[in-house]
């Protein structure tokens, strides 16, 4: 099942709905429990697809593909390295990634994202699936020059628009063997498979929940494969994950 968050003409505020082909069946309230349909179905072309959630936090896993760790000049760490992107980085399908004047080297990073569906803490790996609502696509946009100069990652990862998510949440998906790719202006830059993740989606939910409480709608970015590179004004970046679809965003100057 695909759950999207959309803006509907003449309806105040965002609305969740279940996507079926070219239509979306609207829901009452949020999708973190039993789904309550409104009984109204609209064409997707008649609504604006938003980011699938507005998380309280986006928790990201660094160096979780060995080939990306190598291209960054390091190895996979003995324990996961995590960092947080603020909720203000989140944008949706079709929204613009804005290049900040502080950076001359902003990179794309294609990632599988986990959407948490229930408040949880200290989750066992074998029960992680119980707290996952589903999966979506993410682009962990990064000011690479600032990441290197700062010696830590917060500023480089935290500019507004630096976390495109979408276009929807896929609730029925095995995350362990999915093709993942990134294209910039139609040219393939990253091509891998989630089977190459060093630590699985369920392992990361369990590990992160030992550190912090996860809330419904929180998002975990599972890491990016090799092939990261720069974005320029006027580019269009497309991240595709098997079983979910494609997340597309233009790139503009502030």
C-alpha atoms as a PDB file:
ATOM      1  CA  UNK A   1       0.000   0.000   0.000  1.00  0.00           C
ATOM      2  CA  UNK A   2       1.216   3.474  -0.856  1.00  0.00           C
ATOM      3  CA  UNK A   3       0.393   6.321   1.532  1.00  0.00           C
ATOM      4  CA  UNK A   4       0.905   9.887   0.349  1.00  0.00           C
ATOM      5  CA  UNK A   5       0.499  13.253   2.014  1.00  0.00           C
ATOM      6  CA  UNK A   6      -1.065  15.822  -0.289  1.00  0.00           C
ATOM      7  CA  UNK A   7      -2.479  19.300  -0.561  1.00  0.00           C
ATOM      8  CA  UNK A   8      -6.030  19.315  -1.917  1.00  0.00           C
ATOM      9  CA  UNK A   9      -7.639  22.429  -3.457  1.00  0.00           C
ATOM     10  CA  UNK A  10     -10.196  24.057  -1.144  1.00  0.00           C
ATOM     11  CA  UNK A  11      -9.262  21.729   1.755  1.00  0.00           C
ATOM     12  CA  UNK A  12      -7.359  23.326   4.665  1.00  0.00           C
ATOM     13  CA  UNK A  13      -4.098  21.658   5.607  1.00  0.00           C
ATOM     14  CA  UNK A  14      -2.363  18.546   4.285  1.00  0.00           C
ATOM     15  CA  UNK A  15      -4.335  15.301   3.907  1.00  0.00           C
ATOM     16  CA  UNK A  16      -3.124  11.701   3.863  1.00  0.00           C
ATOM     17  CA  UNK A  17      -4.407   9.248   1.299  1.00  0.00           C
ATOM     18  CA  UNK A  18      -3.874   5.807  -0.206  1.00  0.00           C
ATOM     19  CA  UNK A  19      -2.486   5.873  -3.750  1.00  0.00           C
ATOM     20  CA  UNK A  20      -3.943   3.377  -6.202  1.00  0.00           C
ATOM     21  CA  UNK A  21      -2.716   3.858  -9.735  1.00  0.00           C
ATOM     22  CA  UNK A  22      -3.525   7.402 -10.831  1.00  0.00           C
ATOM     23  CA  UNK A  23      -5.910   8.062  -7.945  1.00  0.00           C
ATOM     24  CA  UNK A  24      -5.641   8.799  -4.236  1.00  0.00           C
ATOM     25  CA  UNK A  25      -8.326   7.814  -1.713  1.00  0.00           C
ATOM     26  CA  UNK A  26      -8.316  10.383   1.083  1.00  0.00           C
ATOM     27  CA  UNK A  27      -8.041   9.425   4.756  1.00  0.00           C
ATOM     28  CA  UNK A  28      -9.211  11.017   7.976  1.00  0.00           C
ATOM     29  CA  UNK A  29      -6.388  11.979  10.318  1.00  0.00           C
ATOM     30  CA  UNK A  30      -2.979  10.303  10.253  1.00  0.00           C
ATOM     31  CA  UNK A  31      -1.857   6.871   9.018  1.00  0.00           C
ATOM     32  CA  UNK A  32      -0.228   5.679  12.258  1.00  0.00           C
ATOM     33  CA  UNK A  33      -3.082   3.392  13.262  1.00  0.00           C
ATOM     34  CA  UNK A  34      -6.174   1.974  11.636  1.00  0.00           C
ATOM     35  CA  UNK A  35      -6.802   3.782   8.358  1.00  0.00           C
ATOM     36  CA  UNK A  36     -10.084   5.696   8.239  1.00  0.00           C
ATOM     37  CA  UNK A  37     -11.139   6.494   4.645  1.00  0.00           C
ATOM     38  CA  UNK A  38     -13.113   9.643   3.897  1.00  0.00           C
ATOM     39  CA  UNK A  39     -14.806   8.032   0.913  1.00  0.00           C
ATOM     40  CA  UNK A  40     -13.392  10.560  -1.563  1.00  0.00           C
ATOM     41  CA  UNK A  41     -11.002   9.587  -4.374  1.00  0.00           C
ATOM     42  CA  UNK A  42      -9.175  12.190  -6.456  1.00  0.00           C
ATOM     43  CA  UNK A  43      -6.857  12.070  -9.436  1.00  0.00           C
ATOM     44  CA  UNK A  44      -3.216  12.487  -8.454  1.00  0.00           C
ATOM     45  CA  UNK A  45      -2.920  15.161 -11.131  1.00  0.00           C
ATOM     46  CA  UNK A  46      -5.452  17.232  -9.179  1.00  0.00           C
ATOM     47  CA  UNK A  47      -3.478  17.321  -5.921  1.00  0.00           C
ATOM     48  CA  UNK A  48      -0.013  18.481  -4.888  1.00  0.00           C
ATOM     49  CA  UNK A  49       2.145  15.672  -3.501  1.00  0.00           C
ATOM     50  CA  UNK A  50       3.948  16.844  -0.362  1.00  0.00           C
ATOM     51  CA  UNK A  51       6.689  15.200   1.678  1.00  0.00           C
ATOM     52  CA  UNK A  52       5.092  11.991   2.985  1.00  0.00           C
ATOM     53  CA  UNK A  53       5.667  13.031   6.622  1.00  0.00           C
ATOM     54  CA  UNK A  54       6.880  15.998   8.650  1.00  0.00           C
ATOM     55  CA  UNK A  55       9.149  14.188  11.117  1.00  0.00           C
ATOM     56  CA  UNK A  56      10.163  15.396  14.545  1.00  0.00           C
ATOM     57  CA  UNK A  57      13.648  14.298  13.511  1.00  0.00           C
ATOM     58  CA  UNK A  58      15.503  12.714  10.617  1.00  0.00           C
ATOM     59  CA  UNK A  59      18.157  10.314  11.894  1.00  0.00           C
ATOM     60  CA  UNK A  60      20.819   9.483   9.328  1.00  0.00           C
ATOM     61  CA  UNK A  61      23.320   6.633   9.189  1.00  0.00           C
ATOM     62  CA  UNK A  62      26.744   7.461   7.794  1.00  0.00           C
ATOM     63  CA  UNK A  63      29.121   5.116   5.964  1.00  0.00           C
ATOM     64  CA  UNK A  64      26.624   2.245   5.768  1.00  0.00           C
ATOM     65  CA  UNK A  65      27.756   1.115   2.296  1.00  0.00           C
ATOM     66  CA  UNK A  66      31.385  -0.057   2.186  1.00  0.00           C
ATOM     67  CA  UNK A  67      31.991   1.409  -1.275  1.00  0.00           C
ATOM     68  CA  UNK A  68      30.837   4.876  -0.171  1.00  0.00           C
ATOM     69  CA  UNK A  69      32.975   4.706   2.960  1.00  0.00           C
ATOM     70  CA  UNK A  70      35.929   3.900   0.698  1.00  0.00           C
ATOM     71  CA  UNK A  71      35.241   6.768  -1.711  1.00  0.00           C
ATOM     72  CA  UNK A  72      35.170   9.124   1.291  1.00  0.00           C
ATOM     73  CA  UNK A  73      38.612   7.875   2.261  1.00  0.00           C
ATOM     74  CA  UNK A  74      37.645   5.682   5.188  1.00  0.00           C
ATOM     75  CA  UNK A  75      36.288   2.352   6.318  1.00  0.00           C
ATOM     76  CA  UNK A  76      32.982   1.214   7.734  1.00  0.00           C
ATOM     77  CA  UNK A  77      33.054   2.148  11.446  1.00  0.00           C
ATOM     78  CA  UNK A  78      32.935  -0.531  14.124  1.00  0.00           C
ATOM     79  CA  UNK A  79      29.685   0.986  15.407  1.00  0.00           C
ATOM     80  CA  UNK A  80      27.118   2.951  13.402  1.00  0.00           C
ATOM     81  CA  UNK A  81      27.770   6.660  12.951  1.00  0.00           C
ATOM     82  CA  UNK A  82      24.551   8.643  13.165  1.00  0.00           C
ATOM     83  CA  UNK A  83      23.630  12.302  12.810  1.00  0.00           C
ATOM     84  CA  UNK A  84      20.385  14.284  12.712  1.00  0.00           C
ATOM     85  CA  UNK A  85      18.993  16.528  10.008  1.00  0.00           C
ATOM     86  CA  UNK A  86      16.452  19.060  11.323  1.00  0.00           C
ATOM     87  CA  UNK A  87      12.841  18.824  10.207  1.00  0.00           C
ATOM     88  CA  UNK A  88      13.282  22.107   8.317  1.00  0.00           C
ATOM     89  CA  UNK A  89      15.449  20.295   5.751  1.00  0.00           C
ATOM     90  CA  UNK A  90      12.466  18.249   4.537  1.00  0.00           C
ATOM     91  CA  UNK A  91      10.878  18.941   1.154  1.00  0.00           C
ATOM     92  CA  UNK A  92       8.735  16.815  -1.133  1.00  0.00           C
ATOM     93  CA  UNK A  93       8.457  15.564  -4.675  1.00  0.00           C
ATOM     94  CA  UNK A  94       9.100  18.328  -7.212  1.00  0.00           C
ATOM     95  CA  UNK A  95      10.241  20.881  -4.636  1.00  0.00           C
ATOM     96  CA  UNK A  96      13.497  22.696  -5.295  1.00  0.00           C
ATOM     97  CA  UNK A  97      16.814  21.911  -3.628  1.00  0.00           C
ATOM     98  CA  UNK A  98      18.262  25.356  -2.904  1.00  0.00           C
ATOM     99  CA  UNK A  99      22.035  25.754  -3.160  1.00  0.00           C
ATOM    100  CA  UNK A 100      23.269  27.968  -0.284  1.00  0.00           C
ATOM    101  CA  UNK A 101      25.860  30.694  -0.887  1.00  0.00           C
ATOM    102  CA  UNK A 102      28.085  29.247   1.865  1.00  0.00           C
ATOM    103  CA  UNK A 103      28.959  26.172  -0.215  1.00  0.00           C
ATOM    104  CA  UNK A 104      30.538  25.560  -3.611  1.00  0.00           C
ATOM    105  CA  UNK A 105      30.248  21.766  -3.544  1.00  0.00           C
ATOM    106  CA  UNK A 106      26.752  20.458  -2.757  1.00  0.00           C
ATOM    107  CA  UNK A 107      26.301  16.703  -3.334  1.00  0.00           C
ATOM    108  CA  UNK A 108      23.358  14.343  -3.889  1.00  0.00           C
ATOM    109  CA  UNK A 109      23.121  11.130  -1.828  1.00  0.00           C
ATOM    110  CA  UNK A 110      20.466   8.553  -2.784  1.00  0.00           C
ATOM    111  CA  UNK A 111      19.085   6.699   0.233  1.00  0.00           C
ATOM    112  CA  UNK A 112      16.360   4.309   1.341  1.00  0.00           C
ATOM    113  CA  UNK A 113      14.391   5.924   4.176  1.00  0.00           C
ATOM    114  CA  UNK A 114      12.482   4.205   6.981  1.00  0.00           C
ATOM    115  CA  UNK A 115       9.289   5.824   8.291  1.00  0.00           C
ATOM    116  CA  UNK A 116       8.506   4.998  11.921  1.00  0.00           C
ATOM    117  CA  UNK A 117       4.874   4.149  12.652  1.00  0.00           C
ATOM    118  CA  UNK A 118       4.766   3.839  16.451  1.00  0.00           C
ATOM    119  CA  UNK A 119       6.391   5.415  19.478  1.00  0.00           C
ATOM    120  CA  UNK A 120       9.217   3.104  20.449  1.00  0.00           C
ATOM    121  CA  UNK A 121      12.310   2.732  22.599  1.00  0.00           C
ATOM    122  CA  UNK A 122      14.796  -0.140  23.006  1.00  0.00           C
ATOM    123  CA  UNK A 123      13.333  -2.169  20.149  1.00  0.00           C
ATOM    124  CA  UNK A 124      14.688  -5.660  19.565  1.00  0.00           C
ATOM    125  CA  UNK A 125      15.904  -6.333  16.014  1.00  0.00           C
ATOM    126  CA  UNK A 126      13.410  -9.157  15.560  1.00  0.00           C
ATOM    127  CA  UNK A 127      10.551  -6.769  16.447  1.00  0.00           C
ATOM    128  CA  UNK A 128      11.713  -3.742  14.427  1.00  0.00           C
ATOM    129  CA  UNK A 129       9.202  -4.463  11.681  1.00  0.00           C
ATOM    130  CA  UNK A 130       6.388  -3.886  14.173  1.00  0.00           C
ATOM    131  CA  UNK A 131       7.293  -0.198  14.571  1.00  0.00           C
ATOM    132  CA  UNK A 132       7.982   0.551  10.892  1.00  0.00           C
ATOM    133  CA  UNK A 133       5.110   2.118   8.946  1.00  0.00           C
ATOM    134  CA  UNK A 134       6.943   1.721   5.650  1.00  0.00           C
ATOM    135  CA  UNK A 135       9.704   3.012   3.404  1.00  0.00           C
ATOM    136  CA  UNK A 136      10.226   6.023   1.189  1.00  0.00           C
ATOM    137  CA  UNK A 137      12.987   7.621  -0.890  1.00  0.00           C
ATOM    138  CA  UNK A 138      15.417  10.219   0.423  1.00  0.00           C
ATOM    139  CA  UNK A 139      18.179  12.432  -0.899  1.00  0.00           C
ATOM    140  CA  UNK A 140      20.647  13.308   1.869  1.00  0.00           C
ATOM    141  CA  UNK A 141      21.870  16.528   0.253  1.00  0.00           C
ATOM    142  CA  UNK A 142      25.244  17.540   1.667  1.00  0.00           C
ATOM    143  CA  UNK A 143      27.520  20.570   1.431  1.00  0.00           C
ATOM    144  CA  UNK A 144      30.651  18.449   1.054  1.00  0.00           C
ATOM    145  CA  UNK A 145      33.135  21.316   1.374  1.00  0.00           C
ATOM    146  CA  UNK A 146      31.582  22.420   4.674  1.00  0.00           C
ATOM    147  CA  UNK A 147      31.524  18.828   5.913  1.00  0.00           C
ATOM    148  CA  UNK A 148      35.289  18.677   5.410  1.00  0.00           C
ATOM    149  CA  UNK A 149      36.110  22.167   6.689  1.00  0.00           C
ATOM    150  CA  UNK A 150      33.908  21.959   9.783  1.00  0.00           C
ATOM    151  CA  UNK A 151      35.264  18.587  10.881  1.00  0.00           C
ATOM    152  CA  UNK A 152      31.704  17.473  11.724  1.00  0.00           C
ATOM    153  CA  UNK A 153      28.521  17.170   9.729  1.00  0.00           C
ATOM    154  CA  UNK A 154      25.766  19.316  11.246  1.00  0.00           C
ATOM    155  CA  UNK A 155      26.003  22.473   9.133  1.00  0.00           C
ATOM    156  CA  UNK A 156      26.759  20.574   5.931  1.00  0.00           C
ATOM    157  CA  UNK A 157      23.632  18.442   6.275  1.00  0.00           C
ATOM    158  CA  UNK A 158      21.197  20.947   7.746  1.00  0.00           C
ATOM    159  CA  UNK A 159      20.433  23.668   5.200  1.00  0.00           C
ATOM    160  CA  UNK A 160      16.761  24.142   4.371  1.00  0.00           C
ATOM    161  CA  UNK A 161      15.678  21.848   1.471  1.00  0.00           C
ATOM    162  CA  UNK A 162      18.551  19.385   2.105  1.00  0.00           C
ATOM    163  CA  UNK A 163      16.264  16.391   2.755  1.00  0.00           C
ATOM    164  CA  UNK A 164      13.908  15.624  -0.135  1.00  0.00           C
ATOM    165  CA  UNK A 165      11.541  12.773   0.801  1.00  0.00           C
ATOM    166  CA  UNK A 166       8.878  10.977  -1.199  1.00  0.00           C
ATOM    167  CA  UNK A 167       6.901  10.669  -3.219  1.00  0.00           C
ATOM    168  CA  UNK A 168       4.994   8.357  -0.821  1.00  0.00           C
ATOM    169  CA  UNK A 169       5.404   5.646   1.811  1.00  0.00           C
ATOM    170  CA  UNK A 170       5.348   2.037   0.632  1.00  0.00           C
ATOM    171  CA  UNK A 171       4.063  -0.103   3.512  1.00  0.00           C
ATOM    172  CA  UNK A 172       4.478  -3.547   1.936  1.00  0.00           C
ATOM    173  CA  UNK A 173       8.144  -3.794   1.045  1.00  0.00           C
ATOM    174  CA  UNK A 174      11.086  -6.040   1.858  1.00  0.00           C
ATOM    175  CA  UNK A 175      13.979  -3.555   2.233  1.00  0.00           C
ATOM    176  CA  UNK A 176      16.764  -6.112   1.973  1.00  0.00           C
ATOM    177  CA  UNK A 177      17.161  -6.432  -1.812  1.00  0.00           C
ATOM    178  CA  UNK A 178      16.089  -3.292  -3.679  1.00  0.00           C
ATOM    179  CA  UNK A 179      17.836  -1.614  -6.585  1.00  0.00           C
ATOM    180  CA  UNK A 180      18.690   2.011  -5.785  1.00  0.00           C
ATOM    181  CA  UNK A 181      19.962   4.616  -8.231  1.00  0.00           C
ATOM    182  CA  UNK A 182      20.471   8.334  -8.729  1.00  0.00           C
ATOM    183  CA  UNK A 183      20.412  10.252 -11.991  1.00  0.00           C
ATOM    184  CA  UNK A 184      21.363  13.874 -12.567  1.00  0.00           C
ATOM    185  CA  UNK A 185      19.909  15.313 -15.778  1.00  0.00           C
ATOM    186  CA  UNK A 186      19.236  11.759 -16.945  1.00  0.00           C
ATOM    187  CA  UNK A 187      22.806  10.521 -16.395  1.00  0.00           C
ATOM    188  CA  UNK A 188      23.214   7.638 -13.928  1.00  0.00           C
ATOM    189  CA  UNK A 189      25.506   8.640 -11.055  1.00  0.00           C
ATOM    190  CA  UNK A 190      24.743   5.989  -8.419  1.00  0.00           C
ATOM    191  CA  UNK A 191      23.609   2.410  -8.965  1.00  0.00           C
ATOM    192  CA  UNK A 192      23.518  -0.179  -6.211  1.00  0.00           C
ATOM    193  CA  UNK A 193      21.257  -2.446  -4.178  1.00  0.00           C
ATOM    194  CA  UNK A 194      20.155  -2.345  -0.542  1.00  0.00           C
ATOM    195  CA  UNK A 195      21.599  -5.838  -0.128  1.00  0.00           C
ATOM    196  CA  UNK A 196      24.933  -3.974   0.058  1.00  0.00           C
ATOM    197  CA  UNK A 197      23.948  -2.159   3.262  1.00  0.00           C
ATOM    198  CA  UNK A 198      26.415  -3.006   6.006  1.00  0.00           C
ATOM    199  CA  UNK A 199      23.685  -2.789   8.636  1.00  0.00           C
ATOM    200  CA  UNK A 200      20.099  -3.551   7.672  1.00  0.00           C
ATOM    201  CA  UNK A 201      17.070  -1.332   8.088  1.00  0.00           C
ATOM    202  CA  UNK A 202      15.805  -3.392  11.024  1.00  0.00           C
ATOM    203  CA  UNK A 203      19.230  -3.383  12.668  1.00  0.00           C
ATOM    204  CA  UNK A 204      19.389   0.400  12.434  1.00  0.00           C
ATOM    205  CA  UNK A 205      15.904   0.894  13.919  1.00  0.00           C
ATOM    206  CA  UNK A 206      16.911  -1.293  16.862  1.00  0.00           C
ATOM    207  CA  UNK A 207      20.305   0.395  17.352  1.00  0.00           C
ATOM    208  CA  UNK A 208      18.990   3.957  17.103  1.00  0.00           C
ATOM    209  CA  UNK A 209      16.090   3.190  19.451  1.00  0.00           C
ATOM    210  CA  UNK A 210      18.651   2.271  22.131  1.00  0.00           C
ATOM    211  CA  UNK A 211      19.859   5.872  21.897  1.00  0.00           C
ATOM    212  CA  UNK A 212      16.667   7.896  21.489  1.00  0.00           C
ATOM    213  CA  UNK A 213      12.919   7.502  21.534  1.00  0.00           C
ATOM    214  CA  UNK A 214      11.470   7.326  18.036  1.00  0.00           C
ATOM    215  CA  UNK A 215       8.105   8.932  17.362  1.00  0.00           C
ATOM    216  CA  UNK A 216       5.490   8.186  14.711  1.00  0.00           C
ATOM    217  CA  UNK A 217       6.553   9.933  11.521  1.00  0.00           C
ATOM    218  CA  UNK A 218      10.242  10.016  12.389  1.00  0.00           C
ATOM    219  CA  UNK A 219      12.511   9.092   9.492  1.00  0.00           C
ATOM    220  CA  UNK A 220      15.739   7.085   9.390  1.00  0.00           C
ATOM    221  CA  UNK A 221      18.050   7.467   6.373  1.00  0.00           C
ATOM    222  CA  UNK A 222      19.955   4.222   5.920  1.00  0.00           C
ATOM    223  CA  UNK A 223      23.047   5.459   4.056  1.00  0.00           C
ATOM    224  CA  UNK A 224      24.156   6.074   0.486  1.00  0.00           C
ATOM    225  CA  UNK A 225      26.170   3.919  -1.958  1.00  0.00           C
ATOM    226  CA  UNK A 226      29.228   5.072  -3.908  1.00  0.00           C
ATOM    227  CA  UNK A 227      28.976   7.620  -6.689  1.00  0.00           C
ATOM    228  CA  UNK A 228      28.074  10.807  -4.841  1.00  0.00           C
ATOM    229  CA  UNK A 229      28.865  14.024  -6.654  1.00  0.00           C
ATOM    230  CA  UNK A 230      28.052  17.697  -7.150  1.00  0.00           C
ATOM    231  CA  UNK A 231      24.821  19.448  -8.039  1.00  0.00           C
ATOM    232  CA  UNK A 232      24.598  22.690 -10.012  1.00  0.00           C
ATOM    233  CA  UNK A 233      21.971  25.331 -10.612  1.00  0.00           C
ATOM    234  CA  UNK A 234      19.461  24.045 -13.166  1.00  0.00           C
ATOM    235  CA  UNK A 235      20.092  20.345 -12.532  1.00  0.00           C
ATOM    236  CA  UNK A 236      17.297  17.842 -11.985  1.00  0.00           C
ATOM    237  CA  UNK A 237      18.137  14.977  -9.626  1.00  0.00           C
ATOM    238  CA  UNK A 238      16.101  11.751  -9.670  1.00  0.00           C
ATOM    239  CA  UNK A 239      16.443   9.057  -7.007  1.00  0.00           C
ATOM    240  CA  UNK A 240      14.777   5.743  -7.831  1.00  0.00           C
ATOM    241  CA  UNK A 241      14.229   2.761  -5.532  1.00  0.00           C
ATOM    242  CA  UNK A 242      12.713  -0.488  -6.719  1.00  0.00           C
ATOM    243  CA  UNK A 243       9.213  -1.020  -5.363  1.00  0.00           C
ATOM    244  CA  UNK A 244       8.721   2.624  -4.389  1.00  0.00           C
ATOM    245  CA  UNK A 245       9.233   4.810  -7.450  1.00  0.00           C
ATOM    246  CA  UNK A 246      11.184   7.969  -8.226  1.00  0.00           C
ATOM    247  CA  UNK A 247      11.781  11.148  -6.223  1.00  0.00           C
ATOM    248  CA  UNK A 248      12.560  14.077  -8.521  1.00  0.00           C
ATOM    249  CA  UNK A 249      13.782  17.542  -7.507  1.00  0.00           C
ATOM    250  CA  UNK A 250      15.132  20.527  -9.439  1.00  0.00           C
ATOM    251  CA  UNK A 251      18.159  22.419  -8.185  1.00  0.00           C
ATOM    252  CA  UNK A 252      18.222  26.221  -7.898  1.00  0.00           C
ATOM    253  CA  UNK A 253      20.390  28.965  -6.453  1.00  0.00           C
ATOM    254  CA  UNK A 254      19.166  30.808  -3.409  1.00  0.00           C
END
